[in-house]
């Protein structure tokens, strides 16, 4: 899905989260894996993930994932990532429901 910033950001976010999950342990690793499981199925969504709103959300999430990758102890960044991914999942779900 080249050409759409949200798709590219989502791919980079997943890469950063997988790298962080490889280093993490315990509850932090579980939370990161749950975030990956939420984002992975929607990363190439052709509806909401093409919007400017998705681009703005993923840009912030990308920055947070970079910071988390470098500092696994930063629970604020992890909480921010979880909230952003939950918002993306909900937006994709509601947009798909509206279109059917």
N, C-alpha and C. Protein backbone atom coordinates (compact mmCIF):
# COMPACT_ATOMS: atom_id res chain seq x y z
N UNK A 1 0.84 -1.19 0.00
CA UNK A 1 0.00 0.00 0.00
C UNK A 1 0.88 1.25 0.00
N UNK A 2 1.83 1.25 -0.83
CA UNK A 2 2.72 2.42 -0.93
C UNK A 2 1.92 3.63 -1.38
N UNK A 3 2.34 4.78 -0.91
CA UNK A 3 1.69 6.00 -1.33
C UNK A 3 0.76 6.59 -0.28
N UNK A 4 0.37 5.81 0.69
CA UNK A 4 -0.49 6.32 1.76
C UNK A 4 0.32 6.35 3.05
N UNK A 5 0.52 7.53 3.61
CA UNK A 5 1.38 7.65 4.79
C UNK A 5 0.93 6.78 5.97
N UNK A 6 -0.36 6.63 6.19
CA UNK A 6 -0.81 5.82 7.32
C UNK A 6 -0.41 4.36 7.15
N UNK A 7 -0.43 3.87 5.93
CA UNK A 7 0.00 2.48 5.68
C UNK A 7 1.49 2.33 5.95
N UNK A 8 2.27 3.27 5.48
CA UNK A 8 3.71 3.23 5.69
C UNK A 8 4.04 3.37 7.18
N UNK A 9 3.35 4.29 7.86
CA UNK A 9 3.56 4.47 9.30
C UNK A 9 3.19 3.20 10.05
N UNK A 10 2.08 2.57 9.69
CA UNK A 10 1.65 1.35 10.37
C UNK A 10 2.69 0.24 10.22
N UNK A 11 3.28 0.13 9.05
CA UNK A 11 4.31 -0.89 8.83
C UNK A 11 5.53 -0.61 9.71
N UNK A 12 5.93 0.66 9.81
CA UNK A 12 7.07 1.02 10.65
C UNK A 12 6.74 0.82 12.13
N UNK A 13 5.51 1.14 12.52
CA UNK A 13 5.08 0.95 13.91
C UNK A 13 5.17 -0.54 14.27
N UNK A 14 4.66 -1.39 13.39
CA UNK A 14 4.72 -2.84 13.63
C UNK A 14 6.16 -3.31 13.74
N UNK A 15 7.01 -2.81 12.89
CA UNK A 15 8.43 -3.18 12.94
C UNK A 15 9.04 -2.78 14.29
N UNK A 16 8.77 -1.54 14.73
CA UNK A 16 9.29 -1.07 16.02
C UNK A 16 8.72 -1.88 17.18
N UNK A 17 7.42 -2.18 17.13
CA UNK A 17 6.80 -2.93 18.21
C UNK A 17 7.34 -4.36 18.27
N UNK A 18 7.56 -4.97 17.13
CA UNK A 18 8.12 -6.33 17.12
C UNK A 18 9.54 -6.33 17.69
N UNK A 19 10.30 -5.30 17.35
CA UNK A 19 11.65 -5.17 17.89
C UNK A 19 11.59 -4.98 19.41
N UNK A 20 10.66 -4.15 19.88
CA UNK A 20 10.51 -3.92 21.32
C UNK A 20 10.03 -5.19 22.03
N UNK A 21 9.13 -5.93 21.39
CA UNK A 21 8.61 -7.16 21.99
C UNK A 21 9.72 -8.20 22.16
N UNK A 22 10.64 -8.22 21.22
CA UNK A 22 11.76 -9.16 21.29
C UNK A 22 12.65 -8.88 22.50
N UNK A 23 12.74 -7.62 22.90
CA UNK A 23 13.56 -7.22 24.04
C UNK A 23 12.79 -7.28 25.36
N UNK A 24 11.48 -7.14 25.30
CA UNK A 24 10.67 -6.99 26.51
C UNK A 24 10.41 -8.33 27.20
N UNK A 25 9.95 -8.21 28.43
CA UNK A 25 9.61 -9.40 29.21
C UNK A 25 8.33 -9.13 29.99
N UNK A 26 7.67 -10.20 30.39
CA UNK A 26 6.54 -10.13 31.29
C UNK A 26 5.34 -9.36 30.74
N UNK A 27 4.77 -8.53 31.60
CA UNK A 27 3.55 -7.78 31.25
C UNK A 27 3.78 -6.82 30.08
N UNK A 28 4.93 -6.19 30.04
CA UNK A 28 5.24 -5.27 28.94
C UNK A 28 5.21 -6.00 27.61
N UNK A 29 5.80 -7.18 27.56
CA UNK A 29 5.81 -7.97 26.33
C UNK A 29 4.39 -8.34 25.92
N UNK A 30 3.56 -8.73 26.87
CA UNK A 30 2.17 -9.08 26.59
C UNK A 30 1.41 -7.89 26.03
N UNK A 31 1.61 -6.72 26.62
CA UNK A 31 0.92 -5.51 26.15
C UNK A 31 1.36 -5.14 24.73
N UNK A 32 2.65 -5.27 24.46
CA UNK A 32 3.15 -4.96 23.12
C UNK A 32 2.58 -5.95 22.11
N UNK A 33 2.57 -7.23 22.46
CA UNK A 33 2.03 -8.24 21.55
C UNK A 33 0.54 -8.02 21.28
N UNK A 34 -0.19 -7.57 22.29
CA UNK A 34 -1.61 -7.27 22.11
C UNK A 34 -1.79 -6.09 21.15
N UNK A 35 -0.93 -5.08 21.27
CA UNK A 35 -0.97 -3.93 20.36
C UNK A 35 -0.66 -4.38 18.93
N UNK A 36 0.31 -5.25 18.77
CA UNK A 36 0.65 -5.78 17.44
C UNK A 36 -0.54 -6.53 16.86
N UNK A 37 -1.17 -7.35 17.69
CA UNK A 37 -2.33 -8.13 17.22
C UNK A 37 -3.48 -7.23 16.79
N UNK A 38 -3.62 -6.07 17.40
CA UNK A 38 -4.68 -5.13 17.02
C UNK A 38 -4.37 -4.40 15.72
N UNK A 39 -3.12 -4.01 15.54
CA UNK A 39 -2.74 -3.20 14.38
C UNK A 39 -2.51 -4.03 13.12
N UNK A 40 -1.96 -5.21 13.27
CA UNK A 40 -1.57 -6.00 12.10
C UNK A 40 -2.72 -6.26 11.12
N UNK A 41 -3.92 -6.65 11.58
CA UNK A 41 -4.99 -6.92 10.61
C UNK A 41 -5.52 -5.68 9.86
N UNK A 42 -5.32 -4.50 10.43
CA UNK A 42 -5.89 -3.30 9.80
C UNK A 42 -4.86 -2.44 9.08
N UNK A 43 -3.59 -2.82 9.13
CA UNK A 43 -2.53 -1.96 8.59
C UNK A 43 -2.72 -1.61 7.12
N UNK A 44 -3.32 -2.49 6.35
CA UNK A 44 -3.52 -2.24 4.92
C UNK A 44 -4.97 -1.94 4.58
N UNK A 45 -5.75 -1.55 5.57
CA UNK A 45 -7.16 -1.26 5.34
C UNK A 45 -7.29 -0.18 4.25
N UNK A 46 -8.23 -0.39 3.37
CA UNK A 46 -8.36 0.52 2.22
C UNK A 46 -9.43 1.59 2.42
N UNK A 47 -9.98 1.68 3.61
CA UNK A 47 -10.97 2.72 3.86
C UNK A 47 -10.38 3.77 4.80
N UNK A 48 -10.49 3.55 6.09
CA UNK A 48 -10.06 4.57 7.05
C UNK A 48 -8.55 4.85 6.98
N UNK A 49 -7.74 3.84 6.74
CA UNK A 49 -6.29 4.02 6.78
C UNK A 49 -5.78 4.90 5.63
N UNK A 50 -6.65 5.31 4.74
CA UNK A 50 -6.26 6.25 3.68
C UNK A 50 -6.58 7.70 4.05
N UNK A 51 -7.19 7.92 5.20
CA UNK A 51 -7.64 9.26 5.56
C UNK A 51 -6.54 10.07 6.24
N UNK A 52 -6.76 11.39 6.28
CA UNK A 52 -5.81 12.27 6.97
C UNK A 52 -5.83 12.03 8.47
N UNK A 53 -6.98 11.68 9.02
CA UNK A 53 -7.07 11.38 10.45
C UNK A 53 -6.18 10.19 10.79
N UNK A 54 -6.22 9.15 9.98
CA UNK A 54 -5.37 7.98 10.20
C UNK A 54 -3.90 8.36 10.10
N UNK A 55 -3.60 9.24 9.17
CA UNK A 55 -2.22 9.70 9.02
C UNK A 55 -1.75 10.43 10.28
N UNK A 56 -2.60 11.32 10.82
CA UNK A 56 -2.23 12.04 12.04
C UNK A 56 -2.03 11.09 13.22
N UNK A 57 -2.94 10.15 13.39
CA UNK A 57 -2.85 9.21 14.51
C UNK A 57 -1.59 8.35 14.38
N UNK A 58 -1.35 7.82 13.19
CA UNK A 58 -0.19 6.94 13.02
C UNK A 58 1.14 7.69 13.12
N UNK A 59 1.15 8.96 12.77
CA UNK A 59 2.37 9.74 12.91
C UNK A 59 2.76 9.85 14.39
N UNK A 60 1.80 10.15 15.23
CA UNK A 60 2.06 10.21 16.67
C UNK A 60 2.43 8.86 17.25
N UNK A 61 1.76 7.83 16.78
CA UNK A 61 2.04 6.47 17.26
C UNK A 61 3.43 6.02 16.83
N UNK A 62 3.84 6.41 15.64
CA UNK A 62 5.17 6.07 15.15
C UNK A 62 6.24 6.67 16.05
N UNK A 63 6.07 7.93 16.42
CA UNK A 63 7.02 8.58 17.33
C UNK A 63 7.07 7.86 18.67
N UNK A 64 5.90 7.49 19.19
CA UNK A 64 5.84 6.79 20.47
C UNK A 64 6.48 5.41 20.38
N UNK A 65 6.30 4.73 19.25
CA UNK A 65 6.89 3.39 19.11
C UNK A 65 8.42 3.47 19.02
N UNK A 66 8.92 4.53 18.39
CA UNK A 66 10.38 4.73 18.34
C UNK A 66 10.92 4.93 19.76
N UNK A 67 10.23 5.75 20.54
CA UNK A 67 10.66 6.02 21.91
C UNK A 67 10.57 4.74 22.76
N UNK A 68 9.50 3.98 22.58
CA UNK A 68 9.33 2.74 23.36
C UNK A 68 10.42 1.74 23.00
N UNK A 69 10.75 1.65 21.73
CA UNK A 69 11.78 0.71 21.28
C UNK A 69 13.11 1.00 21.99
N UNK A 70 13.38 2.27 22.21
CA UNK A 70 14.63 2.68 22.85
C UNK A 70 14.58 2.68 24.37
N UNK A 71 13.35 2.68 24.95
CA UNK A 71 13.19 2.70 26.40
C UNK A 71 11.95 1.90 26.78
N UNK A 72 12.12 0.63 27.01
CA UNK A 72 10.99 -0.26 27.31
C UNK A 72 10.32 0.08 28.64
N UNK A 73 10.98 0.83 29.48
CA UNK A 73 10.42 1.18 30.78
C UNK A 73 9.42 2.33 30.69
N UNK A 74 9.28 2.95 29.54
CA UNK A 74 8.39 4.10 29.37
C UNK A 74 6.95 3.63 29.20
N UNK A 75 6.26 3.47 30.32
CA UNK A 75 4.88 2.95 30.29
C UNK A 75 3.90 3.97 29.71
N UNK A 76 4.23 5.25 29.80
CA UNK A 76 3.35 6.28 29.20
C UNK A 76 3.30 6.13 27.70
N UNK A 77 4.43 5.87 27.07
CA UNK A 77 4.46 5.69 25.61
C UNK A 77 3.68 4.43 25.23
N UNK A 78 3.84 3.36 26.00
CA UNK A 78 3.11 2.13 25.72
C UNK A 78 1.60 2.34 25.85
N UNK A 79 1.19 3.06 26.88
CA UNK A 79 -0.23 3.36 27.06
C UNK A 79 -0.76 4.21 25.91
N UNK A 80 0.04 5.16 25.44
CA UNK A 80 -0.33 6.00 24.31
C UNK A 80 -0.49 5.16 23.04
N UNK A 81 0.44 4.25 22.82
CA UNK A 81 0.37 3.37 21.65
C UNK A 81 -0.89 2.50 21.71
N UNK A 82 -1.16 1.94 22.88
CA UNK A 82 -2.35 1.10 23.03
C UNK A 82 -3.63 1.89 22.75
N UNK A 83 -3.70 3.12 23.25
CA UNK A 83 -4.88 3.95 23.02
C UNK A 83 -5.03 4.31 21.54
N UNK A 84 -3.92 4.66 20.90
CA UNK A 84 -3.97 5.01 19.47
C UNK A 84 -4.39 3.82 18.61
N UNK A 85 -3.86 2.66 18.91
CA UNK A 85 -4.21 1.47 18.13
C UNK A 85 -5.67 1.10 18.36
N UNK A 86 -6.13 1.22 19.60
CA UNK A 86 -7.55 0.95 19.88
C UNK A 86 -8.44 1.91 19.09
N UNK A 87 -8.03 3.18 19.01
CA UNK A 87 -8.80 4.15 18.22
C UNK A 87 -8.81 3.79 16.74
N UNK A 88 -7.66 3.41 16.21
CA UNK A 88 -7.59 3.01 14.80
C UNK A 88 -8.48 1.81 14.51
N UNK A 89 -8.41 0.81 15.38
CA UNK A 89 -9.23 -0.40 15.20
C UNK A 89 -10.71 -0.03 15.21
N UNK A 90 -11.11 0.82 16.15
CA UNK A 90 -12.51 1.22 16.25
C UNK A 90 -12.95 2.02 15.02
N UNK A 91 -12.10 2.94 14.57
CA UNK A 91 -12.44 3.75 13.39
C UNK A 91 -12.57 2.88 12.14
N UNK A 92 -11.66 1.93 11.98
CA UNK A 92 -11.74 1.03 10.83
C UNK A 92 -13.02 0.21 10.91
N UNK A 93 -13.31 -0.32 12.09
CA UNK A 93 -14.49 -1.16 12.27
C UNK A 93 -15.77 -0.37 11.97
N UNK A 94 -15.89 0.83 12.50
CA UNK A 94 -17.11 1.60 12.28
C UNK A 94 -17.21 2.07 10.83
N UNK A 95 -16.10 2.37 10.18
CA UNK A 95 -16.17 2.80 8.78
C UNK A 95 -16.59 1.62 7.91
N UNK A 96 -16.10 0.44 8.18
CA UNK A 96 -16.48 -0.74 7.41
C UNK A 96 -17.95 -1.04 7.62
N UNK A 97 -18.43 -0.91 8.85
CA UNK A 97 -19.85 -1.16 9.15
C UNK A 97 -20.72 -0.16 8.40
N UNK A 98 -20.33 1.10 8.37
CA UNK A 98 -21.11 2.13 7.67
C UNK A 98 -21.17 1.88 6.17
N UNK A 99 -20.13 1.29 5.63
CA UNK A 99 -20.07 1.09 4.18
C UNK A 99 -20.87 -0.14 3.74
N UNK A 100 -21.24 -1.00 4.68
CA UNK A 100 -21.98 -2.22 4.28
C UNK A 100 -23.46 -2.07 4.48
